[in-house]
All heavy atoms as atom14 arrays in JSON, in Angstrom:
{
  "sequence": "SGGTDPHCDNISSHFETDAQRDTFEAIMNPPNYLSKALWLPPGTPDN",
  "atom14_mask": [
    [1, 1, 1, 1, 1, 1, 0, 0, 0, 0, 0, 0, 0, 0],
    [1, 1, 1, 1, 0, 0, 0, 0, 0, 0, 0, 0, 0, 0],
    [1, 1, 1, 1, 0, 0, 0, 0, 0, 0, 0, 0, 0, 0],
    [1, 1, 1, 1, 1, 1, 1, 0, 0, 0, 0, 0, 0, 0],
    [1, 1, 1, 1, 1, 1, 1, 1, 0, 0, 0, 0, 0, 0],
    [1, 1, 1, 1, 1, 1, 1, 0, 0, 0, 0, 0, 0, 0],
    [1, 1, 1, 1, 1, 1, 1, 1, 1, 1, 0, 0, 0, 0],
    [1, 1, 1, 1, 1, 1, 0, 0, 0, 0, 0, 0, 0, 0],
    [1, 1, 1, 1, 1, 1, 1, 1, 0, 0, 0, 0, 0, 0],
    [1, 1, 1, 1, 1, 1, 1, 1, 0, 0, 0, 0, 0, 0],
    [1, 1, 1, 1, 1, 1, 1, 1, 0, 0, 0, 0, 0, 0],
    [1, 1, 1, 1, 1, 1, 0, 0, 0, 0, 0, 0, 0, 0],
    [1, 1, 1, 1, 1, 1, 0, 0, 0, 0, 0, 0, 0, 0],
    [1, 1, 1, 1, 1, 1, 1, 1, 1, 1, 0, 0, 0, 0],
    [1, 1, 1, 1, 1, 1, 1, 1, 1, 1, 1, 0, 0, 0],
    [1, 1, 1, 1, 1, 1, 1, 1, 1, 0, 0, 0, 0, 0],
    [1, 1, 1, 1, 1, 1, 1, 0, 0, 0, 0, 0, 0, 0],
    [1, 1, 1, 1, 1, 1, 1, 1, 0, 0, 0, 0, 0, 0],
    [1, 1, 1, 1, 1, 0, 0, 0, 0, 0, 0, 0, 0, 0],
    [1, 1, 1, 1, 1, 1, 1, 1, 1, 0, 0, 0, 0, 0],
    [1, 1, 1, 1, 1, 1, 1, 1, 1, 1, 1, 0, 0, 0],
    [1, 1, 1, 1, 1, 1, 1, 1, 0, 0, 0, 0, 0, 0],
    [1, 1, 1, 1, 1, 1, 1, 0, 0, 0, 0, 0, 0, 0],
    [1, 1, 1, 1, 1, 1, 1, 1, 1, 1, 1, 0, 0, 0],
    [1, 1, 1, 1, 1, 1, 1, 1, 1, 0, 0, 0, 0, 0],
    [1, 1, 1, 1, 1, 0, 0, 0, 0, 0, 0, 0, 0, 0],
    [1, 1, 1, 1, 1, 1, 1, 1, 0, 0, 0, 0, 0, 0],
    [1, 1, 1, 1, 1, 1, 1, 1, 0, 0, 0, 0, 0, 0],
    [1, 1, 1, 1, 1, 1, 1, 1, 0, 0, 0, 0, 0, 0],
    [1, 1, 1, 1, 1, 1, 1, 0, 0, 0, 0, 0, 0, 0],
    [1, 1, 1, 1, 1, 1, 1, 0, 0, 0, 0, 0, 0, 0],
    [1, 1, 1, 1, 1, 1, 1, 1, 0, 0, 0, 0, 0, 0],
    [1, 1, 1, 1, 1, 1, 1, 1, 1, 1, 1, 1, 0, 0],
    [1, 1, 1, 1, 1, 1, 1, 1, 0, 0, 0, 0, 0, 0],
    [1, 1, 1, 1, 1, 1, 0, 0, 0, 0, 0, 0, 0, 0],
    [1, 1, 1, 1, 1, 1, 1, 1, 1, 0, 0, 0, 0, 0],
    [1, 1, 1, 1, 1, 0, 0, 0, 0, 0, 0, 0, 0, 0],
    [1, 1, 1, 1, 1, 1, 1, 1, 0, 0, 0, 0, 0, 0],
    [1, 1, 1, 1, 1, 1, 1, 1, 1, 1, 1, 1, 1, 1],
    [1, 1, 1, 1, 1, 1, 1, 1, 0, 0, 0, 0, 0, 0],
    [1, 1, 1, 1, 1, 1, 1, 0, 0, 0, 0, 0, 0, 0],
    [1, 1, 1, 1, 1, 1, 1, 0, 0, 0, 0, 0, 0, 0],
    [1, 1, 1, 1, 0, 0, 0, 0, 0, 0, 0, 0, 0, 0],
    [1, 1, 1, 1, 1, 1, 1, 0, 0, 0, 0, 0, 0, 0],
    [1, 1, 1, 1, 1, 1, 1, 0, 0, 0, 0, 0, 0, 0],
    [1, 1, 1, 1, 1, 1, 1, 1, 0, 0, 0, 0, 0, 0],
    [1, 1, 1, 1, 1, 1, 1, 1, 0, 0, 0, 0, 0, 0]
  ],
  "atom14_positions": [
    [[0.85, -1.18, 0.03], [-0.01, -0.01, -0.03], [0.85, 1.25, 0.02], [1.8, 1.35, 0.83], [-0.94, -0.02, 1.25], [-1.66, 1.24, 1.27], [0.0, 0.0, 0.0], [0.0, 0.0, 0.0], [0.0, 0.0, 0.0], [0.0, 0.0, 0.0], [0.0, 0.0, 0.0], [0.0, 0.0, 0.0], [0.0, 0.0, 0.0], [0.0, 0.0, 0.0]],
    [[0.6, 2.14, -0.98], [1.36, 3.35, -0.96], [2.76, 3.07, -1.23], [3.68, 3.98, -0.85], [0.0, 0.0, 0.0], [0.0, 0.0, 0.0], [0.0, 0.0, 0.0], [0.0, 0.0, 0.0], [0.0, 0.0, 0.0], [0.0, 0.0, 0.0], [0.0, 0.0, 0.0], [0.0, 0.0, 0.0], [0.0, 0.0, 0.0], [0.0, 0.0, 0.0]],
    [[3.19, 2.0, -1.93], [4.57, 1.77, -2.15], [5.36, 1.2, -1.09], [6.55, 1.02, -1.08], [0.0, 0.0, 0.0], [0.0, 0.0, 0.0], [0.0, 0.0, 0.0], [0.0, 0.0, 0.0], [0.0, 0.0, 0.0], [0.0, 0.0, 0.0], [0.0, 0.0, 0.0], [0.0, 0.0, 0.0], [0.0, 0.0, 0.0], [0.0, 0.0, 0.0]],
    [[4.65, 0.88, 0.09], [5.35, 0.45, 1.29], [4.88, -1.06, 1.6], [3.65, -1.25, 1.83], [4.98, 1.27, 2.47], [5.45, 2.59, 2.2], [5.68, 0.84, 3.74], [0.0, 0.0, 0.0], [0.0, 0.0, 0.0], [0.0, 0.0, 0.0], [0.0, 0.0, 0.0], [0.0, 0.0, 0.0], [0.0, 0.0, 0.0], [0.0, 0.0, 0.0]],
    [[5.8, -1.94, 1.45], [5.39, -3.33, 1.85], [5.24, -3.42, 3.32], [6.14, -2.98, 4.09], [6.45, -4.27, 1.39], [6.37, -4.46, -0.17], [5.32, -4.7, -0.67], [7.44, -4.36, -0.83], [0.0, 0.0, 0.0], [0.0, 0.0, 0.0], [0.0, 0.0, 0.0], [0.0, 0.0, 0.0], [0.0, 0.0, 0.0], [0.0, 0.0, 0.0]],
    [[4.19, -4.19, 3.8], [4.11, -4.35, 5.19], [5.3, -5.16, 5.8], [5.73, -6.14, 5.09], [2.82, -5.1, 5.33], [2.55, -5.68, 4.04], [3.14, -4.79, 3.08], [0.0, 0.0, 0.0], [0.0, 0.0, 0.0], [0.0, 0.0, 0.0], [0.0, 0.0, 0.0], [0.0, 0.0, 0.0], [0.0, 0.0, 0.0], [0.0, 0.0, 0.0]],
    [[5.75, -4.85, 6.91], [6.89, -5.51, 7.54], [6.43, -6.91, 8.08], [7.29, -7.93, 7.94], [7.42, -4.7, 8.62], [8.4, -5.51, 9.6], [9.63, -5.83, 9.19], [8.27, -5.9, 10.93], [10.18, -6.44, 10.16], [9.36, -6.52, 11.14], [0.0, 0.0, 0.0], [0.0, 0.0, 0.0], [0.0, 0.0, 0.0], [0.0, 0.0, 0.0]],
    [[5.31, -7.1, 8.56], [4.91, -8.28, 9.16], [4.06, -9.2, 8.19], [3.15, -8.64, 7.45], [3.99, -8.03, 10.4], [4.87, -6.99, 11.6], [0.0, 0.0, 0.0], [0.0, 0.0, 0.0], [0.0, 0.0, 0.0], [0.0, 0.0, 0.0], [0.0, 0.0, 0.0], [0.0, 0.0, 0.0], [0.0, 0.0, 0.0], [0.0, 0.0, 0.0]],
    [[4.26, -10.49, 8.14], [3.54, -11.32, 7.19], [2.23, -11.89, 7.76], [1.7, -11.36, 8.8], [4.58, -12.5, 6.87], [4.96, -13.34, 8.02], [4.62, -13.02, 9.21], [5.62, -14.35, 7.81], [0.0, 0.0, 0.0], [0.0, 0.0, 0.0], [0.0, 0.0, 0.0], [0.0, 0.0, 0.0], [0.0, 0.0, 0.0], [0.0, 0.0, 0.0]],
    [[1.83, -12.97, 7.2], [0.48, -13.48, 7.53], [0.58, -14.27, 8.8], [1.49, -15.01, 9.15], [0.06, -14.45, 6.41], [-1.51, -14.75, 6.47], [-2.0, -15.15, 7.52], [-2.23, -14.45, 5.36], [0.0, 0.0, 0.0], [0.0, 0.0, 0.0], [0.0, 0.0, 0.0], [0.0, 0.0, 0.0], [0.0, 0.0, 0.0], [0.0, 0.0, 0.0]],
    [[-0.47, -14.05, 9.59], [-0.49, -14.59, 10.99], [-0.6, -16.1, 10.95], [-0.14, -16.75, 12.01], [-1.71, -13.92, 11.68], [-1.59, -14.13, 13.29], [-3.14, -14.54, 11.28], [-2.6, -13.41, 14.04], [0.0, 0.0, 0.0], [0.0, 0.0, 0.0], [0.0, 0.0, 0.0], [0.0, 0.0, 0.0], [0.0, 0.0, 0.0], [0.0, 0.0, 0.0]],
    [[-1.19, -16.75, 9.92], [-1.35, -18.17, 9.95], [-0.11, -18.99, 10.18], [-0.12, -19.99, 10.78], [-2.02, -18.58, 8.73], [-3.35, -18.15, 8.59], [0.0, 0.0, 0.0], [0.0, 0.0, 0.0], [0.0, 0.0, 0.0], [0.0, 0.0, 0.0], [0.0, 0.0, 0.0], [0.0, 0.0, 0.0], [0.0, 0.0, 0.0], [0.0, 0.0, 0.0]],
    [[1.04, -18.44, 9.74], [2.3, -19.2, 9.91], [2.89, -19.06, 11.32], [3.92, -19.54, 11.59], [3.32, -18.71, 8.87], [3.63, -17.27, 9.05], [0.0, 0.0, 0.0], [0.0, 0.0, 0.0], [0.0, 0.0, 0.0], [0.0, 0.0, 0.0], [0.0, 0.0, 0.0], [0.0, 0.0, 0.0], [0.0, 0.0, 0.0], [0.0, 0.0, 0.0]],
    [[2.24, -18.27, 12.24], [2.78, -17.96, 13.47], [2.06, -18.68, 14.64], [2.41, -18.48, 15.79], [2.88, -16.48, 13.76], [3.82, -15.78, 12.83], [5.17, -15.72, 13.17], [3.69, -15.24, 11.68], [5.77, -15.1, 12.13], [4.93, -14.78, 11.22], [0.0, 0.0, 0.0], [0.0, 0.0, 0.0], [0.0, 0.0, 0.0], [0.0, 0.0, 0.0]],
    [[1.03, -19.46, 14.24], [0.39, -20.33, 15.32], [1.28, -21.44, 15.61], [1.93, -21.99, 14.82], [-1.01, -20.87, 14.9], [-2.04, -19.71, 14.73], [-2.51, -19.33, 13.55], [-2.47, -19.05, 15.9], [-3.47, -18.32, 13.49], [-3.48, -18.08, 15.85], [-4.0, -17.68, 14.65], [0.0, 0.0, 0.0], [0.0, 0.0, 0.0], [0.0, 0.0, 0.0]],
    [[1.19, -21.94, 16.89], [2.01, -23.01, 17.35], [1.65, -24.41, 16.74], [2.46, -25.26, 16.52], [2.14, -23.12, 18.88], [2.81, -21.9, 19.53], [2.95, -22.09, 21.02], [2.46, -23.06, 21.55], [3.66, -21.16, 21.69], [0.0, 0.0, 0.0], [0.0, 0.0, 0.0], [0.0, 0.0, 0.0], [0.0, 0.0, 0.0], [0.0, 0.0, 0.0]],
    [[0.34, -24.59, 16.56], [-0.22, -25.91, 16.12], [-0.94, -25.85, 14.83], [-1.45, -24.78, 14.52], [-1.06, -26.6, 17.2], [-2.28, -25.82, 17.37], [-0.25, -26.59, 18.52], [0.0, 0.0, 0.0], [0.0, 0.0, 0.0], [0.0, 0.0, 0.0], [0.0, 0.0, 0.0], [0.0, 0.0, 0.0], [0.0, 0.0, 0.0], [0.0, 0.0, 0.0]],
    [[-1.05, -26.95, 14.1], [-1.83, -26.94, 12.92], [-3.37, -26.74, 13.28], [-4.11, -26.12, 12.56], [-1.75, -28.22, 12.19], [-0.35, -28.35, 11.53], [0.33, -27.32, 11.38], [0.05, -29.52, 11.25], [0.0, 0.0, 0.0], [0.0, 0.0, 0.0], [0.0, 0.0, 0.0], [0.0, 0.0, 0.0], [0.0, 0.0, 0.0], [0.0, 0.0, 0.0]],
    [[-3.74, -27.28, 14.46], [-5.14, -27.13, 14.85], [-5.49, -25.72, 15.06], [-6.64, -25.23, 14.64], [-5.38, -27.91, 16.17], [0.0, 0.0, 0.0], [0.0, 0.0, 0.0], [0.0, 0.0, 0.0], [0.0, 0.0, 0.0], [0.0, 0.0, 0.0], [0.0, 0.0, 0.0], [0.0, 0.0, 0.0], [0.0, 0.0, 0.0], [0.0, 0.0, 0.0]],
    [[-4.63, -24.89, 15.61], [-4.89, -23.41, 15.82], [-5.05, -22.76, 14.46], [-5.96, -21.96, 14.26], [-3.79, -22.8, 16.54], [-3.72, -23.24, 18.03], [-2.46, -22.62, 18.67], [-1.37, -22.55, 18.14], [-2.55, -22.14, 19.93], [0.0, 0.0, 0.0], [0.0, 0.0, 0.0], [0.0, 0.0, 0.0], [0.0, 0.0, 0.0], [0.0, 0.0, 0.0]],
    [[-4.14, -23.04, 13.55], [-4.19, -22.49, 12.25], [-5.44, -22.87, 11.45], [-6.15, -21.96, 10.89], [-2.94, -22.86, 11.39], [-2.93, -22.15, 10.05], [-1.82, -22.7, 9.16], [-2.1, -24.07, 8.76], [-1.45, -25.12, 9.22], [-0.41, -25.01, 10.07], [-1.74, -26.25, 8.88], [0.0, 0.0, 0.0], [0.0, 0.0, 0.0], [0.0, 0.0, 0.0]],
    [[-5.79, -24.13, 11.46], [-6.97, -24.58, 10.8], [-8.28, -23.94, 11.31], [-9.15, -23.57, 10.61], [-7.13, -26.14, 10.91], [-5.94, -26.79, 10.17], [-5.33, -26.14, 9.29], [-5.78, -28.05, 10.36], [0.0, 0.0, 0.0], [0.0, 0.0, 0.0], [0.0, 0.0, 0.0], [0.0, 0.0, 0.0], [0.0, 0.0, 0.0], [0.0, 0.0, 0.0]],
    [[-8.34, -23.85, 12.63], [-9.5, -23.14, 13.32], [-9.61, -21.71, 12.9], [-10.66, -21.25, 12.53], [-9.41, -23.31, 14.91], [-9.47, -24.68, 15.17], [-10.61, -22.55, 15.45], [0.0, 0.0, 0.0], [0.0, 0.0, 0.0], [0.0, 0.0, 0.0], [0.0, 0.0, 0.0], [0.0, 0.0, 0.0], [0.0, 0.0, 0.0], [0.0, 0.0, 0.0]],
    [[-8.48, -21.0, 12.97], [-8.5, -19.6, 12.54], [-8.87, -19.44, 11.1], [-9.79, -18.53, 10.85], [-7.08, -18.99, 12.85], [-6.96, -17.66, 12.3], [-7.42, -16.49, 12.98], [-6.38, -17.31, 11.03], [-7.36, -15.17, 12.51], [-6.3, -16.06, 10.59], [-6.76, -14.99, 11.29], [0.0, 0.0, 0.0], [0.0, 0.0, 0.0], [0.0, 0.0, 0.0]],
    [[-8.4, -20.21, 10.23], [-8.66, -20.04, 8.78], [-10.16, -20.51, 8.48], [-10.79, -19.91, 7.65], [-7.71, -20.92, 7.96], [-6.24, -20.33, 8.09], [-5.24, -21.06, 7.2], [-5.61, -22.18, 6.72], [-4.15, -20.59, 6.96], [0.0, 0.0, 0.0], [0.0, 0.0, 0.0], [0.0, 0.0, 0.0], [0.0, 0.0, 0.0], [0.0, 0.0, 0.0]],
    [[-10.65, -21.42, 9.24], [-12.03, -21.8, 8.97], [-13.02, -20.63, 9.39], [-14.04, -20.4, 8.84], [-12.36, -23.04, 9.9], [0.0, 0.0, 0.0], [0.0, 0.0, 0.0], [0.0, 0.0, 0.0], [0.0, 0.0, 0.0], [0.0, 0.0, 0.0], [0.0, 0.0, 0.0], [0.0, 0.0, 0.0], [0.0, 0.0, 0.0], [0.0, 0.0, 0.0]],
    [[-12.57, -19.86, 10.41], [-13.38, -18.69, 10.83], [-13.16, -17.5, 9.88], [-14.2, -16.94, 9.42], [-12.95, -18.35, 12.25], [-13.28, -19.48, 13.25], [-13.68, -17.01, 12.68], [-12.67, -19.18, 14.63], [0.0, 0.0, 0.0], [0.0, 0.0, 0.0], [0.0, 0.0, 0.0], [0.0, 0.0, 0.0], [0.0, 0.0, 0.0], [0.0, 0.0, 0.0]],
    [[-12.01, -17.25, 9.48], [-11.62, -16.09, 8.74], [-11.87, -16.14, 7.23], [-12.42, -15.22, 6.64], [-10.18, -15.63, 9.0], [-9.68, -14.46, 8.19], [-10.55, -12.89, 8.66], [-9.78, -12.42, 10.06], [0.0, 0.0, 0.0], [0.0, 0.0, 0.0], [0.0, 0.0, 0.0], [0.0, 0.0, 0.0], [0.0, 0.0, 0.0], [0.0, 0.0, 0.0]],
    [[-11.5, -17.28, 6.62], [-11.4, -17.32, 5.21], [-12.69, -17.22, 4.39], [-12.87, -16.45, 3.51], [-10.64, -18.58, 4.79], [-9.13, -18.42, 5.19], [-8.76, -17.6, 5.86], [-8.31, -19.38, 4.65], [0.0, 0.0, 0.0], [0.0, 0.0, 0.0], [0.0, 0.0, 0.0], [0.0, 0.0, 0.0], [0.0, 0.0, 0.0], [0.0, 0.0, 0.0]],
    [[-13.73, -18.13, 4.69], [-14.91, -18.08, 3.84], [-15.6, -16.78, 3.72], [-16.09, -16.39, 2.63], [-15.82, -19.13, 4.41], [-14.88, -20.06, 5.13], [-13.8, -19.27, 5.6], [0.0, 0.0, 0.0], [0.0, 0.0, 0.0], [0.0, 0.0, 0.0], [0.0, 0.0, 0.0], [0.0, 0.0, 0.0], [0.0, 0.0, 0.0], [0.0, 0.0, 0.0]],
    [[-15.76, -16.0, 4.78], [-16.45, -14.68, 4.6], [-15.63, -13.58, 3.93], [-16.27, -12.5, 3.71], [-16.76, -14.29, 6.07], [-16.52, -15.43, 6.98], [-15.48, -16.28, 6.2], [0.0, 0.0, 0.0], [0.0, 0.0, 0.0], [0.0, 0.0, 0.0], [0.0, 0.0, 0.0], [0.0, 0.0, 0.0], [0.0, 0.0, 0.0], [0.0, 0.0, 0.0]],
    [[-14.3, -13.88, 3.75], [-13.5, -12.76, 3.28], [-12.63, -13.08, 2.1], [-11.67, -12.41, 1.82], [-12.54, -12.39, 4.43], [-13.25, -11.86, 5.68], [-13.73, -10.77, 5.72], [-13.31, -12.65, 6.71], [0.0, 0.0, 0.0], [0.0, 0.0, 0.0], [0.0, 0.0, 0.0], [0.0, 0.0, 0.0], [0.0, 0.0, 0.0], [0.0, 0.0, 0.0]],
    [[-13.08, -14.04, 1.31], [-12.24, -14.53, 0.24], [-12.3, -13.54, -1.03], [-11.42, -13.67, -1.87], [-12.61, -15.88, -0.23], [-13.95, -16.1, -0.91], [-14.02, -16.02, -2.3], [-15.1, -16.16, -0.16], [-15.23, -16.1, -2.88], [-16.35, -16.21, -0.81], [-16.41, -16.28, -2.23], [-17.62, -16.37, -2.77], [0.0, 0.0, 0.0], [0.0, 0.0, 0.0]],
    [[-13.23, -12.71, -1.14], [-13.3, -11.71, -2.14], [-13.78, -10.33, -1.64], [-14.39, -10.25, -0.51], [-14.35, -12.12, -3.19], [-13.98, -13.28, -4.22], [-15.15, -13.63, -5.11], [-12.81, -12.85, -5.08], [0.0, 0.0, 0.0], [0.0, 0.0, 0.0], [0.0, 0.0, 0.0], [0.0, 0.0, 0.0], [0.0, 0.0, 0.0], [0.0, 0.0, 0.0]],
    [[-13.34, -9.34, -2.31], [-13.83, -7.97, -1.93], [-14.04, -7.2, -3.12], [-13.44, -7.32, -4.19], [-12.72, -7.38, -1.0], [-13.3, -6.03, -0.53], [0.0, 0.0, 0.0], [0.0, 0.0, 0.0], [0.0, 0.0, 0.0], [0.0, 0.0, 0.0], [0.0, 0.0, 0.0], [0.0, 0.0, 0.0], [0.0, 0.0, 0.0], [0.0, 0.0, 0.0]],
    [[-15.01, -6.31, -3.02], [-15.44, -5.38, -4.21], [-15.73, -6.29, -5.35], [-15.03, -6.18, -6.49], [-14.27, -4.45, -4.51], [-13.84, -3.6, -3.23], [-14.96, -2.81, -2.68], [-14.43, -1.95, -1.55], [-14.08, -2.58, -0.3], [0.0, 0.0, 0.0], [0.0, 0.0, 0.0], [0.0, 0.0, 0.0], [0.0, 0.0, 0.0], [0.0, 0.0, 0.0]],
    [[-16.79, -7.07, -5.26], [-17.15, -8.07, -6.26], [-18.47, -7.72, -6.94], [-19.37, -7.1, -6.32], [-17.27, -9.47, -5.64], [0.0, 0.0, 0.0], [0.0, 0.0, 0.0], [0.0, 0.0, 0.0], [0.0, 0.0, 0.0], [0.0, 0.0, 0.0], [0.0, 0.0, 0.0], [0.0, 0.0, 0.0], [0.0, 0.0, 0.0], [0.0, 0.0, 0.0]],
    [[-18.62, -8.11, -8.22], [-19.81, -7.89, -9.01], [-20.53, -9.16, -9.27], [-19.96, -10.15, -9.57], [-19.41, -7.27, -10.34], [-18.63, -5.89, -10.39], [-17.64, -5.79, -11.52], [-19.65, -4.81, -10.38], [0.0, 0.0, 0.0], [0.0, 0.0, 0.0], [0.0, 0.0, 0.0], [0.0, 0.0, 0.0], [0.0, 0.0, 0.0], [0.0, 0.0, 0.0]],
    [[-21.86, -9.13, -8.97], [-22.72, -10.25, -9.08], [-24.03, -9.93, -9.86], [-24.5, -8.84, -9.85], [-23.15, -10.75, -7.66], [-22.01, -11.13, -6.78], [-21.37, -10.16, -5.98], [-21.43, -12.33, -6.49], [-20.49, -10.83, -5.22], [-20.39, -12.15, -5.52], [-21.69, -13.6, -6.94], [-19.68, -13.21, -4.97], [-20.97, -14.69, -6.4], [-19.97, -14.53, -5.53]],
    [[-24.52, -11.03, -10.54], [-25.81, -10.95, -11.18], [-26.83, -11.82, -10.45], [-26.38, -12.84, -9.81], [-25.68, -11.36, -12.62], [-24.88, -10.43, -13.63], [-24.52, -11.1, -14.83], [-25.71, -9.19, -13.83], [0.0, 0.0, 0.0], [0.0, 0.0, 0.0], [0.0, 0.0, 0.0], [0.0, 0.0, 0.0], [0.0, 0.0, 0.0], [0.0, 0.0, 0.0]],
    [[-28.11, -11.59, -10.57], [-29.08, -12.48, -9.97], [-29.04, -13.91, -10.38], [-28.7, -14.19, -11.59], [-30.45, -11.84, -10.25], [-30.13, -10.43, -10.68], [-28.72, -10.47, -11.33], [0.0, 0.0, 0.0], [0.0, 0.0, 0.0], [0.0, 0.0, 0.0], [0.0, 0.0, 0.0], [0.0, 0.0, 0.0], [0.0, 0.0, 0.0], [0.0, 0.0, 0.0]],
    [[-29.48, -14.82, -9.61], [-29.59, -16.27, -10.12], [-30.53, -16.37, -11.33], [-31.52, -15.58, -11.4], [-30.21, -17.0, -8.87], [-29.93, -16.13, -7.73], [-29.88, -14.74, -8.15], [0.0, 0.0, 0.0], [0.0, 0.0, 0.0], [0.0, 0.0, 0.0], [0.0, 0.0, 0.0], [0.0, 0.0, 0.0], [0.0, 0.0, 0.0], [0.0, 0.0, 0.0]],
    [[-30.23, -17.21, -12.23], [-31.03, -17.35, -13.36], [-30.58, -16.45, -14.55], [-31.18, -16.64, -15.7], [0.0, 0.0, 0.0], [0.0, 0.0, 0.0], [0.0, 0.0, 0.0], [0.0, 0.0, 0.0], [0.0, 0.0, 0.0], [0.0, 0.0, 0.0], [0.0, 0.0, 0.0], [0.0, 0.0, 0.0], [0.0, 0.0, 0.0], [0.0, 0.0, 0.0]],
    [[-29.68, -15.55, -14.37], [-29.1, -14.77, -15.46], [-28.37, -15.64, -16.47], [-27.53, -16.5, -16.02], [-28.21, -13.58, -14.98], [-28.86, -12.81, -14.04], [-27.73, -12.78, -16.13], [0.0, 0.0, 0.0], [0.0, 0.0, 0.0], [0.0, 0.0, 0.0], [0.0, 0.0, 0.0], [0.0, 0.0, 0.0], [0.0, 0.0, 0.0], [0.0, 0.0, 0.0]],
    [[-28.74, -15.67, -17.8], [-28.07, -16.5, -18.74], [-26.57, -16.34, -18.72], [-25.99, -15.24, -18.57], [-28.67, -16.05, -20.07], [-30.06, -15.54, -19.73], [-29.82, -14.86, -18.36], [0.0, 0.0, 0.0], [0.0, 0.0, 0.0], [0.0, 0.0, 0.0], [0.0, 0.0, 0.0], [0.0, 0.0, 0.0], [0.0, 0.0, 0.0], [0.0, 0.0, 0.0]],
    [[-25.86, -17.43, -19.03], [-24.44, -17.41, -19.01], [-23.87, -16.51, -20.09], [-22.79, -15.8, -19.77], [-23.85, -18.85, -19.27], [-24.05, -19.81, -18.14], [-24.18, -19.35, -16.97], [-23.94, -21.03, -18.29], [0.0, 0.0, 0.0], [0.0, 0.0, 0.0], [0.0, 0.0, 0.0], [0.0, 0.0, 0.0], [0.0, 0.0, 0.0], [0.0, 0.0, 0.0]],
    [[-24.45, -16.37, -21.23], [-23.88, -15.59, -22.27], [-23.93, -14.11, -21.95], [-23.03, -13.34, -22.29], [-24.54, -15.79, -23.68], [-26.12, -15.61, -23.6], [-26.66, -15.38, -22.53], [-26.77, -15.89, -24.71], [0.0, 0.0, 0.0], [0.0, 0.0, 0.0], [0.0, 0.0, 0.0], [0.0, 0.0, 0.0], [0.0, 0.0, 0.0], [0.0, 0.0, 0.0]]
  ]
}
């Protein structure tokens, strides 16, 4: 952002156990996998 890379990396690699990481990602990932997205209503033709 603004030409400045963040110093600190992703938190997932800093949990002590795989169970902690898996639990965190199960909570965080599905609701946040996209942002600023465009959608059409169900039934809109593919073309």
